[in-house]
Amino acid sequence: MTTIVQALLLATTILLVLYFLTNRRKARAKAGVKLGFVLLVLLAIWAVLRPDDVTVVAQAVGVARGTDLMLYVLIMAFGFTTLSTWIRFREQELRYAQLARAIALQNAVRPEEEFLT
């Protein structure tokens, strides 16, 4: 028996998969990220269709409810994503700084050449 919430969650998961597949050139994801994404999608579908199983898994790892376990996993995923984004932006800023230095050195004018022109 499918409820409205299950239908919405499954539709959202399917839209996420379609977005990921249609923007694969933009994503430039590594194989590990793609495998992780597929695993996440499969787990999401499983959790939506069989929520009681999530509660059983939660109790097996020492969490009272399945929703609490999902919240803890979501918090960890958010932390990982935030850290990964911060590292990527920091590396990009360093590349921009190196590029700016290289361009500045390439276009540098010697002081004696300034007076001659």
PDB file of N, CA and C in Angstrom:
ATOM      1  N   MET A   1       0.837  -1.165   0.000  1.00  0.00           N
ATOM      2  CA  MET A   1       0.000   0.000   0.000  1.00  0.00           C
ATOM      3  C   MET A   1       0.891   1.241   0.000  1.00  0.00           C
ATOM      4  N   THR A   2       0.666   2.125  -0.956  1.00  0.00           N
ATOM      5  CA  THR A   2       1.489   3.321  -1.106  1.00  0.00           C
ATOM      6  C   THR A   2       0.721   4.532  -0.599  1.00  0.00           C
ATOM      7  N   THR A   3       1.372   5.308   0.247  1.00  0.00           N
ATOM      8  CA  THR A   3       0.755   6.536   0.742  1.00  0.00           C
ATOM      9  C   THR A   3       1.206   7.709  -0.122  1.00  0.00           C
ATOM     10  N   ILE A   4       0.611   8.865   0.115  1.00  0.00           N
ATOM     11  CA  ILE A   4       0.970  10.062  -0.648  1.00  0.00           C
ATOM     12  C   ILE A   4       2.421  10.445  -0.387  1.00  0.00           C
ATOM     13  N   VAL A   5       2.849  10.316   0.862  1.00  0.00           N
ATOM     14  CA  VAL A   5       4.233  10.666   1.203  1.00  0.00           C
ATOM     15  C   VAL A   5       5.206   9.751   0.478  1.00  0.00           C
ATOM     16  N   GLN A   6       4.908   8.461   0.438  1.00  0.00           N
ATOM     17  CA  GLN A   6       5.781   7.533  -0.275  1.00  0.00           C
ATOM     18  C   GLN A   6       5.848   7.885  -1.755  1.00  0.00           C
ATOM     19  N   ALA A   7       4.721   8.216  -2.346  1.00  0.00           N
ATOM     20  CA  ALA A   7       4.708   8.587  -3.766  1.00  0.00           C
ATOM     21  C   ALA A   7       5.536   9.842  -4.007  1.00  0.00           C
ATOM     22  N   LEU A   8       5.409  10.836  -3.131  1.00  0.00           N
ATOM     23  CA  LEU A   8       6.200  12.064  -3.277  1.00  0.00           C
ATOM     24  C   LEU A   8       7.693  11.792  -3.115  1.00  0.00           C
ATOM     25  N   LEU A   9       8.049  10.978  -2.135  1.00  0.00           N
ATOM     26  CA  LEU A   9       9.466  10.672  -1.917  1.00  0.00           C
ATOM     27  C   LEU A   9      10.056   9.893  -3.090  1.00  0.00           C
ATOM     28  N   LEU A  10       9.306   8.942  -3.612  1.00  0.00           N
ATOM     29  CA  LEU A  10       9.789   8.188  -4.775  1.00  0.00           C
ATOM     30  C   LEU A  10       9.902   9.087  -5.999  1.00  0.00           C
ATOM     31  N   ALA A  11       8.945   9.978  -6.199  1.00  0.00           N
ATOM     32  CA  ALA A  11       9.012  10.904  -7.334  1.00  0.00           C
ATOM     33  C   ALA A  11      10.221  11.823  -7.207  1.00  0.00           C
ATOM     34  N   THR A  12      10.480  12.299  -6.001  1.00  0.00           N
ATOM     35  CA  THR A  12      11.650  13.151  -5.776  1.00  0.00           C
ATOM     36  C   THR A  12      12.934  12.395  -6.066  1.00  0.00           C
ATOM     37  N   THR A  13      13.009  11.153  -5.640  1.00  0.00           N
ATOM     38  CA  THR A  13      14.197  10.336  -5.896  1.00  0.00           C
ATOM     39  C   THR A  13      14.392  10.121  -7.390  1.00  0.00           C
ATOM     40  N   ILE A  14      13.319   9.849  -8.099  1.00  0.00           N
ATOM     41  CA  ILE A  14      13.413   9.648  -9.550  1.00  0.00           C
ATOM     42  C   ILE A  14      13.855  10.936 -10.240  1.00  0.00           C
ATOM     43  N   LEU A  15      13.312  12.080  -9.824  1.00  0.00           N
ATOM     44  CA  LEU A  15      13.731  13.358 -10.407  1.00  0.00           C
ATOM     45  C   LEU A  15      15.204  13.637 -10.128  1.00  0.00           C
ATOM     46  N   LEU A  16      15.671  13.285  -8.949  1.00  0.00           N
ATOM     47  CA  LEU A  16      17.082  13.463  -8.615  1.00  0.00           C
ATOM     48  C   LEU A  16      17.968  12.603  -9.513  1.00  0.00           C
ATOM     49  N   VAL A  17      17.552  11.374  -9.756  1.00  0.00           N
ATOM     50  CA  VAL A  17      18.308  10.489 -10.654  1.00  0.00           C
ATOM     51  C   VAL A  17      18.327  11.063 -12.069  1.00  0.00           C
ATOM     52  N   LEU A  18      17.182  11.525 -12.555  1.00  0.00           N
ATOM     53  CA  LEU A  18      17.129  12.103 -13.899  1.00  0.00           C
ATOM     54  C   LEU A  18      18.013  13.339 -14.007  1.00  0.00           C
ATOM     55  N   TYR A  19      17.997  14.188 -12.989  1.00  0.00           N
ATOM     56  CA  TYR A  19      18.849  15.378 -12.996  1.00  0.00           C
ATOM     57  C   TYR A  19      20.324  14.979 -13.026  1.00  0.00           C
ATOM     58  N   PHE A  20      20.682  14.001 -12.222  1.00  0.00           N
ATOM     59  CA  PHE A  20      22.074  13.558 -12.166  1.00  0.00           C
ATOM     60  C   PHE A  20      22.512  12.976 -13.505  1.00  0.00           C
ATOM     61  N   LEU A  21      21.637  12.204 -14.143  1.00  0.00           N
ATOM     62  CA  LEU A  21      21.998  11.576 -15.416  1.00  0.00           C
ATOM     63  C   LEU A  21      22.043  12.583 -16.560  1.00  0.00           C
ATOM     64  N   THR A  22      21.156  13.569 -16.574  1.00  0.00           N
ATOM     65  CA  THR A  22      21.144  14.532 -17.669  1.00  0.00           C
ATOM     66  C   THR A  22      22.247  15.573 -17.536  1.00  0.00           C
ATOM     67  N   ASN A  23      22.762  15.789 -16.351  1.00  0.00           N
ATOM     68  CA  ASN A  23      23.823  16.772 -16.140  1.00  0.00           C
ATOM     69  C   ASN A  23      25.156  16.096 -15.828  1.00  0.00           C
ATOM     70  N   ARG A  24      25.388  14.957 -16.439  1.00  0.00           N
ATOM     71  CA  ARG A  24      26.614  14.231 -16.097  1.00  0.00           C
ATOM     72  C   ARG A  24      27.868  14.944 -16.591  1.00  0.00           C
ATOM     73  N   ARG A  25      27.768  15.722 -17.662  1.00  0.00           N
ATOM     74  CA  ARG A  25      28.946  16.469 -18.116  1.00  0.00           C
ATOM     75  C   ARG A  25      29.289  17.567 -17.131  1.00  0.00           C
ATOM     76  N   LYS A  26      28.268  18.211 -16.605  1.00  0.00           N
ATOM     77  CA  LYS A  26      28.490  19.283 -15.650  1.00  0.00           C
ATOM     78  C   LYS A  26      28.963  18.732 -14.310  1.00  0.00           C
ATOM     79  N   ALA A  27      28.472  17.579 -13.941  1.00  0.00           N
ATOM     80  CA  ALA A  27      28.802  17.024 -12.630  1.00  0.00           C
ATOM     81  C   ALA A  27      30.264  16.599 -12.548  1.00  0.00           C
ATOM     82  N   ARG A  28      30.795  16.026 -13.622  1.00  0.00           N
ATOM     83  CA  ARG A  28      32.177  15.550 -13.644  1.00  0.00           C
ATOM     84  C   ARG A  28      32.491  14.700 -12.413  1.00  0.00           C
ATOM     85  N   ALA A  29      31.547  13.862 -12.052  1.00  0.00           N
ATOM     86  CA  ALA A  29      31.689  13.061 -10.842  1.00  0.00           C
ATOM     87  C   ALA A  29      32.631  11.890 -11.089  1.00  0.00           C
ATOM     88  N   LYS A  30      33.362  11.541 -10.058  1.00  0.00           N
ATOM     89  CA  LYS A  30      34.242  10.384 -10.123  1.00  0.00           C
ATOM     90  C   LYS A  30      33.410   9.118  -9.964  1.00  0.00           C
ATOM     91  N   ALA A  31      34.012   7.991 -10.272  1.00  0.00           N
ATOM     92  CA  ALA A  31      33.290   6.720 -10.210  1.00  0.00           C
ATOM     93  C   ALA A  31      32.796   6.426  -8.797  1.00  0.00           C
ATOM     94  N   GLY A  32      33.582   6.745  -7.796  1.00  0.00           N
ATOM     95  CA  GLY A  32      33.166   6.501  -6.415  1.00  0.00           C
ATOM     96  C   GLY A  32      31.947   7.313  -6.030  1.00  0.00           C
ATOM     97  N   VAL A  33      31.885   8.543  -6.505  1.00  0.00           N
ATOM     98  CA  VAL A  33      30.727   9.393  -6.219  1.00  0.00           C
ATOM     99  C   VAL A  33      29.494   8.831  -6.910  1.00  0.00           C
ATOM    100  N   LYS A  34      29.666   8.363  -8.143  1.00  0.00           N
ATOM    101  CA  LYS A  34      28.534   7.793  -8.868  1.00  0.00           C
ATOM    102  C   LYS A  34      28.027   6.529  -8.182  1.00  0.00           C
ATOM    103  N   LEU A  35      28.943   5.677  -7.727  1.00  0.00           N
ATOM    104  CA  LEU A  35      28.526   4.467  -7.020  1.00  0.00           C
ATOM    105  C   LEU A  35      27.830   4.817  -5.709  1.00  0.00           C
ATOM    106  N   GLY A  36      28.357   5.795  -5.014  1.00  0.00           N
ATOM    107  CA  GLY A  36      27.723   6.238  -3.776  1.00  0.00           C
ATOM    108  C   GLY A  36      26.332   6.786  -4.020  1.00  0.00           C
ATOM    109  N   PHE A  37      26.176   7.513  -5.123  1.00  0.00           N
ATOM    110  CA  PHE A  37      24.868   8.062  -5.467  1.00  0.00           C
ATOM    111  C   PHE A  37      23.875   6.949  -5.773  1.00  0.00           C
ATOM    112  N   VAL A  38      24.305   5.949  -6.531  1.00  0.00           N
ATOM    113  CA  VAL A  38      23.422   4.823  -6.846  1.00  0.00           C
ATOM    114  C   VAL A  38      23.024   4.098  -5.564  1.00  0.00           C
ATOM    115  N   LEU A  39      23.975   3.900  -4.668  1.00  0.00           N
ATOM    116  CA  LEU A  39      23.678   3.252  -3.392  1.00  0.00           C
ATOM    117  C   LEU A  39      22.683   4.077  -2.581  1.00  0.00           C
ATOM    118  N   LEU A  40      22.874   5.383  -2.558  1.00  0.00           N
ATOM    119  CA  LEU A  40      21.956   6.268  -1.841  1.00  0.00           C
ATOM    120  C   LEU A  40      20.547   6.185  -2.417  1.00  0.00           C
ATOM    121  N   VAL A  41      20.435   6.154  -3.731  1.00  0.00           N
ATOM    122  CA  VAL A  41      19.119   6.064  -4.367  1.00  0.00           C
ATOM    123  C   VAL A  41      18.445   4.741  -4.017  1.00  0.00           C
ATOM    124  N   LEU A  42      19.202   3.657  -4.071  1.00  0.00           N
ATOM    125  CA  LEU A  42      18.625   2.353  -3.730  1.00  0.00           C
ATOM    126  C   LEU A  42      18.181   2.310  -2.272  1.00  0.00           C
ATOM    127  N   LEU A  43      18.999   2.866  -1.387  1.00  0.00           N
ATOM    128  CA  LEU A  43      18.623   2.908   0.029  1.00  0.00           C
ATOM    129  C   LEU A  43      17.410   3.799   0.257  1.00  0.00           C
ATOM    130  N   ALA A  44      17.312   4.893  -0.484  1.00  0.00           N
ATOM    131  CA  ALA A  44      16.157   5.781  -0.345  1.00  0.00           C
ATOM    132  C   ALA A  44      14.875   5.077  -0.773  1.00  0.00           C
ATOM    133  N   ILE A  45      14.937   4.375  -1.881  1.00  0.00           N
ATOM    134  CA  ILE A  45      13.754   3.645  -2.351  1.00  0.00           C
ATOM    135  C   ILE A  45      13.368   2.569  -1.343  1.00  0.00           C
ATOM    136  N   TRP A  46      14.367   1.849  -0.835  1.00  0.00           N
ATOM    137  CA  TRP A  46      14.116   0.806   0.164  1.00  0.00           C
ATOM    138  C   TRP A  46      13.502   1.400   1.428  1.00  0.00           C
ATOM    139  N   ALA A  47      14.021   2.525   1.891  1.00  0.00           N
ATOM    140  CA  ALA A  47      13.515   3.147   3.114  1.00  0.00           C
ATOM    141  C   ALA A  47      12.090   3.661   2.938  1.00  0.00           C
ATOM    142  N   VAL A  48      11.768   4.135   1.746  1.00  0.00           N
ATOM    143  CA  VAL A  48      10.413   4.638   1.506  1.00  0.00           C
ATOM    144  C   VAL A  48       9.417   3.488   1.429  1.00  0.00           C
ATOM    145  N   LEU A  49       9.797   2.425   0.743  1.00  0.00           N
ATOM    146  CA  LEU A  49       8.871   1.313   0.554  1.00  0.00           C
ATOM    147  C   LEU A  49       8.759   0.410   1.778  1.00  0.00           C
ATOM    148  N   ARG A  50       9.816   0.318   2.580  1.00  0.00           N
ATOM    149  CA  ARG A  50       9.816  -0.574   3.744  1.00  0.00           C
ATOM    150  C   ARG A  50      10.335   0.158   4.984  1.00  0.00           C
ATOM    151  N   PRO A  51       9.579   1.108   5.502  1.00  0.00           N
ATOM    152  CA  PRO A  51      10.052   1.896   6.646  1.00  0.00           C
ATOM    153  C   PRO A  51      10.265   1.072   7.913  1.00  0.00           C
ATOM    154  N   ASP A  52       9.543  -0.032   8.053  1.00  0.00           N
ATOM    155  CA  ASP A  52       9.742  -0.867   9.244  1.00  0.00           C
ATOM    156  C   ASP A  52      11.129  -1.499   9.262  1.00  0.00           C
ATOM    157  N   ASP A  53      11.673  -1.794   8.087  1.00  0.00           N
ATOM    158  CA  ASP A  53      13.026  -2.346   8.020  1.00  0.00           C
ATOM    159  C   ASP A  53      14.058  -1.345   8.532  1.00  0.00           C
ATOM    160  N   VAL A  54      13.819  -0.057   8.268  1.00  0.00           N
ATOM    161  CA  VAL A  54      14.744   0.978   8.743  1.00  0.00           C
ATOM    162  C   VAL A  54      14.741   1.010  10.266  1.00  0.00           C
ATOM    163  N   THR A  55      13.574   0.820  10.871  1.00  0.00           N
ATOM    164  CA  THR A  55      13.488   0.783  12.331  1.00  0.00           C
ATOM    165  C   THR A  55      14.237  -0.424  12.882  1.00  0.00           C
ATOM    166  N   VAL A  56      14.143  -1.552  12.212  1.00  0.00           N
ATOM    167  CA  VAL A  56      14.871  -2.748  12.652  1.00  0.00           C
ATOM    168  C   VAL A  56      16.377  -2.504  12.586  1.00  0.00           C
ATOM    169  N   VAL A  57      16.841  -1.900  11.488  1.00  0.00           N
ATOM    170  CA  VAL A  57      18.270  -1.587  11.348  1.00  0.00           C
ATOM    171  C   VAL A  57      18.688  -0.586  12.417  1.00  0.00           C
ATOM    172  N   ALA A  58      17.845   0.407  12.666  1.00  0.00           N
ATOM    173  CA  ALA A  58      18.161   1.415  13.681  1.00  0.00           C
ATOM    174  C   ALA A  58      18.308   0.772  15.053  1.00  0.00           C
ATOM    175  N   GLN A  59      17.402  -0.105  15.402  1.00  0.00           N
ATOM    176  CA  GLN A  59      17.487  -0.767  16.698  1.00  0.00           C
ATOM    177  C   GLN A  59      18.694  -1.690  16.777  1.00  0.00           C
ATOM    178  N   ALA A  60      19.100  -2.258  15.649  1.00  0.00           N
ATOM    179  CA  ALA A  60      20.280  -3.129  15.637  1.00  0.00           C
ATOM    180  C   ALA A  60      21.562  -2.349  15.909  1.00  0.00           C
ATOM    181  N   VAL A  61      21.590  -1.074  15.521  1.00  0.00           N
ATOM    182  CA  VAL A  61      22.793  -0.265  15.756  1.00  0.00           C
ATOM    183  C   VAL A  61      22.668   0.605  16.999  1.00  0.00           C
ATOM    184  N   GLY A  62      21.566   0.446  17.749  1.00  0.00           N
ATOM    185  CA  GLY A  62      21.439   1.140  19.020  1.00  0.00           C
ATOM    186  C   GLY A  62      20.669   2.441  18.988  1.00  0.00           C
ATOM    187  N   VAL A  63      19.888   2.672  17.939  1.00  0.00           N
ATOM    188  CA  VAL A  63      19.058   3.873  17.842  1.00  0.00           C
ATOM    189  C   VAL A  63      17.608   3.429  18.001  1.00  0.00           C
ATOM    190  N   ALA A  64      16.817   4.226  18.705  1.00  0.00           N
ATOM    191  CA  ALA A  64      15.454   3.808  19.033  1.00  0.00           C
ATOM    192  C   ALA A  64      14.534   3.733  17.813  1.00  0.00           C
ATOM    193  N   ARG A  65      14.591   4.744  16.946  1.00  0.00           N
ATOM    194  CA  ARG A  65      13.653   4.793  15.817  1.00  0.00           C
ATOM    195  C   ARG A  65      14.399   4.935  14.493  1.00  0.00           C
ATOM    196  N   GLY A  66      13.748   4.485  13.439  1.00  0.00           N
ATOM    197  CA  GLY A  66      14.331   4.599  12.110  1.00  0.00           C
ATOM    198  C   GLY A  66      14.476   6.037  11.659  1.00  0.00           C
ATOM    199  N   THR A  67      13.532   6.890  12.049  1.00  0.00           N
ATOM    200  CA  THR A  67      13.625   8.298  11.668  1.00  0.00           C
ATOM    201  C   THR A  67      14.827   8.967  12.322  1.00  0.00           C
ATOM    202  N   ASP A  68      15.126   8.571  13.559  1.00  0.00           N
ATOM    203  CA  ASP A  68      16.311   9.124  14.225  1.00  0.00           C
ATOM    204  C   ASP A  68      17.584   8.698  13.497  1.00  0.00           C
ATOM    205  N   LEU A  69      17.638   7.438  13.091  1.00  0.00           N
ATOM    206  CA  LEU A  69      18.801   6.950  12.346  1.00  0.00           C
ATOM    207  C   LEU A  69      18.957   7.717  11.039  1.00  0.00           C
ATOM    208  N   MET A  70      17.853   7.944  10.343  1.00  0.00           N
ATOM    209  CA  MET A  70      17.924   8.686   9.083  1.00  0.00           C
ATOM    210  C   MET A  70      18.388  10.118   9.317  1.00  0.00           C
ATOM    211  N   LEU A  71      17.953  10.727  10.420  1.00  0.00           N
ATOM    212  CA  LEU A  71      18.396  12.076  10.748  1.00  0.00           C
ATOM    213  C   LEU A  71      19.896  12.099  11.019  1.00  0.00           C
ATOM    214  N   TYR A  72      20.396  11.121  11.767  1.00  0.00           N
ATOM    215  CA  TYR A  72      21.832  11.071  12.061  1.00  0.00           C
ATOM    216  C   TYR A  72      22.647  10.890  10.784  1.00  0.00           C
ATOM    217  N   VAL A  73      22.180  10.040   9.898  1.00  0.00           N
ATOM    218  CA  VAL A  73      22.878   9.825   8.624  1.00  0.00           C
ATOM    219  C   VAL A  73      22.833  11.099   7.785  1.00  0.00           C
ATOM    220  N   LEU A  74      21.699  11.790   7.792  1.00  0.00           N
ATOM    221  CA  LEU A  74      21.576  13.043   7.050  1.00  0.00           C
ATOM    222  C   LEU A  74      22.536  14.096   7.587  1.00  0.00           C
ATOM    223  N   ILE A  75      22.671  14.179   8.903  1.00  0.00           N
ATOM    224  CA  ILE A  75      23.599  15.140   9.503  1.00  0.00           C
ATOM    225  C   ILE A  75      25.034  14.820   9.098  1.00  0.00           C
ATOM    226  N   MET A  76      25.397  13.539   9.106  1.00  0.00           N
ATOM    227  CA  MET A  76      26.752  13.157   8.687  1.00  0.00           C
ATOM    228  C   MET A  76      26.973  13.460   7.214  1.00  0.00           C
ATOM    229  N   ALA A  77      25.977  13.194   6.371  1.00  0.00           N
ATOM    230  CA  ALA A  77      26.106  13.483   4.939  1.00  0.00           C
ATOM    231  C   ALA A  77      26.233  14.982   4.704  1.00  0.00           C
ATOM    232  N   PHE A  78      25.482  15.785   5.451  1.00  0.00           N
ATOM    233  CA  PHE A  78      25.573  17.234   5.319  1.00  0.00           C
ATOM    234  C   PHE A  78      26.957  17.725   5.731  1.00  0.00           C
ATOM    235  N   GLY A  79      27.479  17.181   6.814  1.00  0.00           N
ATOM    236  CA  GLY A  79      28.825  17.563   7.250  1.00  0.00           C
ATOM    237  C   GLY A  79      29.878  17.196   6.219  1.00  0.00           C
ATOM    238  N   PHE A  80      29.776  15.998   5.643  1.00  0.00           N
ATOM    239  CA  PHE A  80      30.715  15.571   4.612  1.00  0.00           C
ATOM    240  C   PHE A  80      30.627  16.477   3.390  1.00  0.00           C
ATOM    241  N   THR A  81      29.405  16.794   2.972  1.00  0.00           N
ATOM    242  CA  THR A  81      29.219  17.649   1.803  1.00  0.00           C
ATOM    243  C   THR A  81      29.771  19.046   2.051  1.00  0.00           C
ATOM    244  N   THR A  82      29.525  19.576   3.240  1.00  0.00           N
ATOM    245  CA  THR A  82      30.028  20.907   3.579  1.00  0.00           C
ATOM    246  C   THR A  82      31.546  20.928   3.576  1.00  0.00           C
ATOM    247  N   LEU A  83      32.162  19.936   4.192  1.00  0.00           N
ATOM    248  CA  LEU A  83      33.621  19.861   4.230  1.00  0.00           C
ATOM    249  C   LEU A  83      34.201  19.690   2.830  1.00  0.00           C
ATOM    250  N   SER A  84      33.593  18.829   2.036  1.00  0.00           N
ATOM    251  CA  SER A  84      34.063  18.599   0.672  1.00  0.00           C
ATOM    252  C   SER A  84      33.972  19.873  -0.163  1.00  0.00           C
ATOM    253  N   THR A  85      32.877  20.602  -0.031  1.00  0.00           N
ATOM    254  CA  THR A  85      32.711  21.854  -0.773  1.00  0.00           C
ATOM    255  C   THR A  85      33.723  22.889  -0.323  1.00  0.00           C
ATOM    256  N   TRP A  86      33.953  22.992   0.964  1.00  0.00           N
ATOM    257  CA  TRP A  86      34.918  23.957   1.491  1.00  0.00           C
ATOM    258  C   TRP A  86      36.324  23.654   0.968  1.00  0.00           C
ATOM    259  N   ILE A  87      36.712  22.378   0.971  1.00  0.00           N
ATOM    260  CA  ILE A  87      38.037  21.990   0.470  1.00  0.00           C
ATOM    261  C   ILE A  87      38.148  22.304  -1.019  1.00  0.00           C
ATOM    262  N   ARG A  88      37.095  21.999  -1.782  1.00  0.00           N
ATOM    263  CA  ARG A  88      37.128  22.261  -3.223  1.00  0.00           C
ATOM    264  C   ARG A  88      37.246  23.757  -3.507  1.00  0.00           C
ATOM    265  N   PHE A  89      36.499  24.594  -2.790  1.00  0.00           N
ATOM    266  CA  PHE A  89      36.585  26.043  -2.980  1.00  0.00           C
ATOM    267  C   PHE A  89      37.950  26.574  -2.585  1.00  0.00           C
ATOM    268  N   ARG A  90      38.518  26.046  -1.506  1.00  0.00           N
ATOM    269  CA  ARG A  90      39.846  26.489  -1.077  1.00  0.00           C
ATOM    270  C   ARG A  90      40.893  26.154  -2.138  1.00  0.00           C
ATOM    271  N   GLU A  91      40.826  24.947  -2.696  1.00  0.00           N
ATOM    272  CA  GLU A  91      41.758  24.567  -3.764  1.00  0.00           C
ATOM    273  C   GLU A  91      41.563  25.444  -4.994  1.00  0.00           C
ATOM    274  N   GLN A  92      40.326  25.786  -5.306  1.00  0.00           N
ATOM    275  CA  GLN A  92      40.053  26.639  -6.461  1.00  0.00           C
ATOM    276  C   GLN A  92      40.602  28.047  -6.230  1.00  0.00           C
ATOM    277  N   GLU A  93      40.473  28.564  -5.029  1.00  0.00           N
ATOM    278  CA  GLU A  93      41.033  29.882  -4.717  1.00  0.00           C
ATOM    279  C   GLU A  93      42.549  29.879  -4.865  1.00  0.00           C
ATOM    280  N   LEU A  94      43.199  28.806  -4.449  1.00  0.00           N
ATOM    281  CA  LEU A  94      44.652  28.711  -4.606  1.00  0.00           C
ATOM    282  C   LEU A  94      45.043  28.678  -6.081  1.00  0.00           C
ATOM    283  N   ARG A  95      44.269  27.969  -6.897  1.00  0.00           N
ATOM    284  CA  ARG A  95      44.555  27.934  -8.335  1.00  0.00           C
ATOM    285  C   ARG A  95      44.385  29.306  -8.965  1.00  0.00           C
ATOM    286  N   TYR A  96      43.339  30.037  -8.555  1.00  0.00           N
ATOM    287  CA  TYR A  96      43.143  31.397  -9.069  1.00  0.00           C
ATOM    288  C   TYR A  96      44.294  32.307  -8.665  1.00  0.00           C
ATOM    289  N   ALA A  97      44.768  32.169  -7.443  1.00  0.00           N
ATOM    290  CA  ALA A  97      45.887  33.001  -6.987  1.00  0.00           C
ATOM    291  C   ALA A  97      47.146  32.688  -7.788  1.00  0.00           C
ATOM    292  N   GLN A  98      47.405  31.404  -8.043  1.00  0.00           N
ATOM    293  CA  GLN A  98      48.572  31.028  -8.847  1.00  0.00           C
ATOM    294  C   GLN A  98      48.442  31.553 -10.269  1.00  0.00           C
ATOM    295  N   LEU A  99      47.253  31.479 -10.826  1.00  0.00           N
ATOM    296  CA  LEU A  99      47.027  31.993 -12.175  1.00  0.00           C
ATOM    297  C   LEU A  99      47.229  33.505 -12.220  1.00  0.00           C
ATOM    298  N   ALA A 100      46.723  34.209 -11.219  1.00  0.00           N
ATOM    299  CA  ALA A 100      46.894  35.666 -11.177  1.00  0.00           C
ATOM    300  C   ALA A 100      48.366  36.034 -11.057  1.00  0.00           C
ATOM    301  N   ARG A 101      49.117  35.293 -10.257  1.00  0.00           N
ATOM    302  CA  ARG A 101      50.557  35.558 -10.132  1.00  0.00           C
ATOM    303  C   ARG A 101      51.273  35.314 -11.455  1.00  0.00           C
ATOM    304  N   ALA A 102      50.921  34.218 -12.126  1.00  0.00           N
ATOM    305  CA  ALA A 102      51.567  33.902 -13.403  1.00  0.00           C
ATOM    306  C   ALA A 102      51.272  34.977 -14.445  1.00  0.00           C
ATOM    307  N   ILE A 103      50.037  35.448 -14.493  1.00  0.00           N
ATOM    308  CA  ILE A 103      49.691  36.507 -15.446  1.00  0.00           C
ATOM    309  C   ILE A 103      50.402  37.797 -15.089  1.00  0.00           C
ATOM    310  N   ALA A 104      50.480  38.109 -13.799  1.00  0.00           N
ATOM    311  CA  ALA A 104      51.165  39.334 -13.372  1.00  0.00           C
ATOM    312  C   ALA A 104      52.645  39.283 -13.728  1.00  0.00           C
ATOM    313  N   LEU A 105      53.275  38.134 -13.543  1.00  0.00           N
ATOM    314  CA  LEU A 105      54.695  38.006 -13.890  1.00  0.00           C
ATOM    315  C   LEU A 105      54.900  38.059 -15.401  1.00  0.00           C
ATOM    316  N   GLN A 106      53.977  37.492 -16.140  1.00  0.00           N
ATOM    317  CA  GLN A 106      54.091  37.484 -17.596  1.00  0.00           C
ATOM    318  C   GLN A 106      53.938  38.893 -18.171  1.00  0.00           C
ATOM    319  N   ASN A 107      53.110  39.708 -17.573  1.00  0.00           N
ATOM    320  CA  ASN A 107      52.850  41.054 -18.076  1.00  0.00           C
ATOM    321  C   ASN A 107      53.646  42.125 -17.343  1.00  0.00           C
ATOM    322  N   ALA A 108      54.586  41.711 -16.541  1.00  0.00           N
ATOM    323  CA  ALA A 108      55.360  42.684 -15.768  1.00  0.00           C
ATOM    324  C   ALA A 108      56.254  43.511 -16.689  1.00  0.00           C
ATOM    325  N   VAL A 109      56.419  44.775 -16.338  1.00  0.00           N
ATOM    326  CA  VAL A 109      57.264  45.692 -17.101  1.00  0.00           C
ATOM    327  C   VAL A 109      58.405  46.125 -16.194  1.00  0.00           C
ATOM    328  N   ARG A 110      59.611  46.088 -16.724  1.00  0.00           N
ATOM    329  CA  ARG A 110      60.770  46.519 -15.935  1.00  0.00           C
ATOM    330  C   ARG A 110      60.725  48.026 -15.748  1.00  0.00           C
ATOM    331  N   PRO A 111      61.213  48.528 -14.618  1.00  0.00           N
ATOM    332  CA  PRO A 111      61.133  49.971 -14.355  1.00  0.00           C
ATOM    333  C   PRO A 111      61.842  50.813 -15.420  1.00  0.00           C
ATOM    334  N   GLU A 112      62.990  50.351 -15.925  1.00  0.00           N
ATOM    335  CA  GLU A 112      63.694  51.161 -16.923  1.00  0.00           C
ATOM    336  C   GLU A 112      62.952  51.188 -18.256  1.00  0.00           C
ATOM    337  N   GLU A 113      62.151  50.163 -18.555  1.00  0.00           N
ATOM    338  CA  GLU A 113      61.377  50.141 -19.789  1.00  0.00           C
ATOM    339  C   GLU A 113      60.216  51.129 -19.733  1.00  0.00           C
ATOM    340  N   GLU A 114      59.722  51.429 -18.539  1.00  0.00           N
ATOM    341  CA  GLU A 114      58.625  52.387 -18.400  1.00  0.00           C
ATOM    342  C   GLU A 114      59.059  53.780 -18.840  1.00  0.00           C
ATOM    343  N   PHE A 115      60.284  54.168 -18.493  1.00  0.00           N
ATOM    344  CA  PHE A 115      60.758  55.511 -18.799  1.00  0.00           C
ATOM    345  C   PHE A 115      61.109  55.679 -20.270  1.00  0.00           C
ATOM    346  N   LEU A 116      61.439  54.598 -20.943  1.00  0.00           N
ATOM    347  CA  LEU A 116      61.820  54.676 -22.347  1.00  0.00           C
ATOM    348  C   LEU A 116      60.614  54.811 -23.270  1.00  0.00           C
ATOM    349  N   THR A 117      59.465  54.380 -22.850  1.00  0.00           N
ATOM    350  CA  THR A 117      58.292  54.430 -23.741  1.00  0.00           C
ATOM    351  C   THR A 117      57.447  55.639 -23.549  1.00  0.00           C
TER     352      THR A 117
END
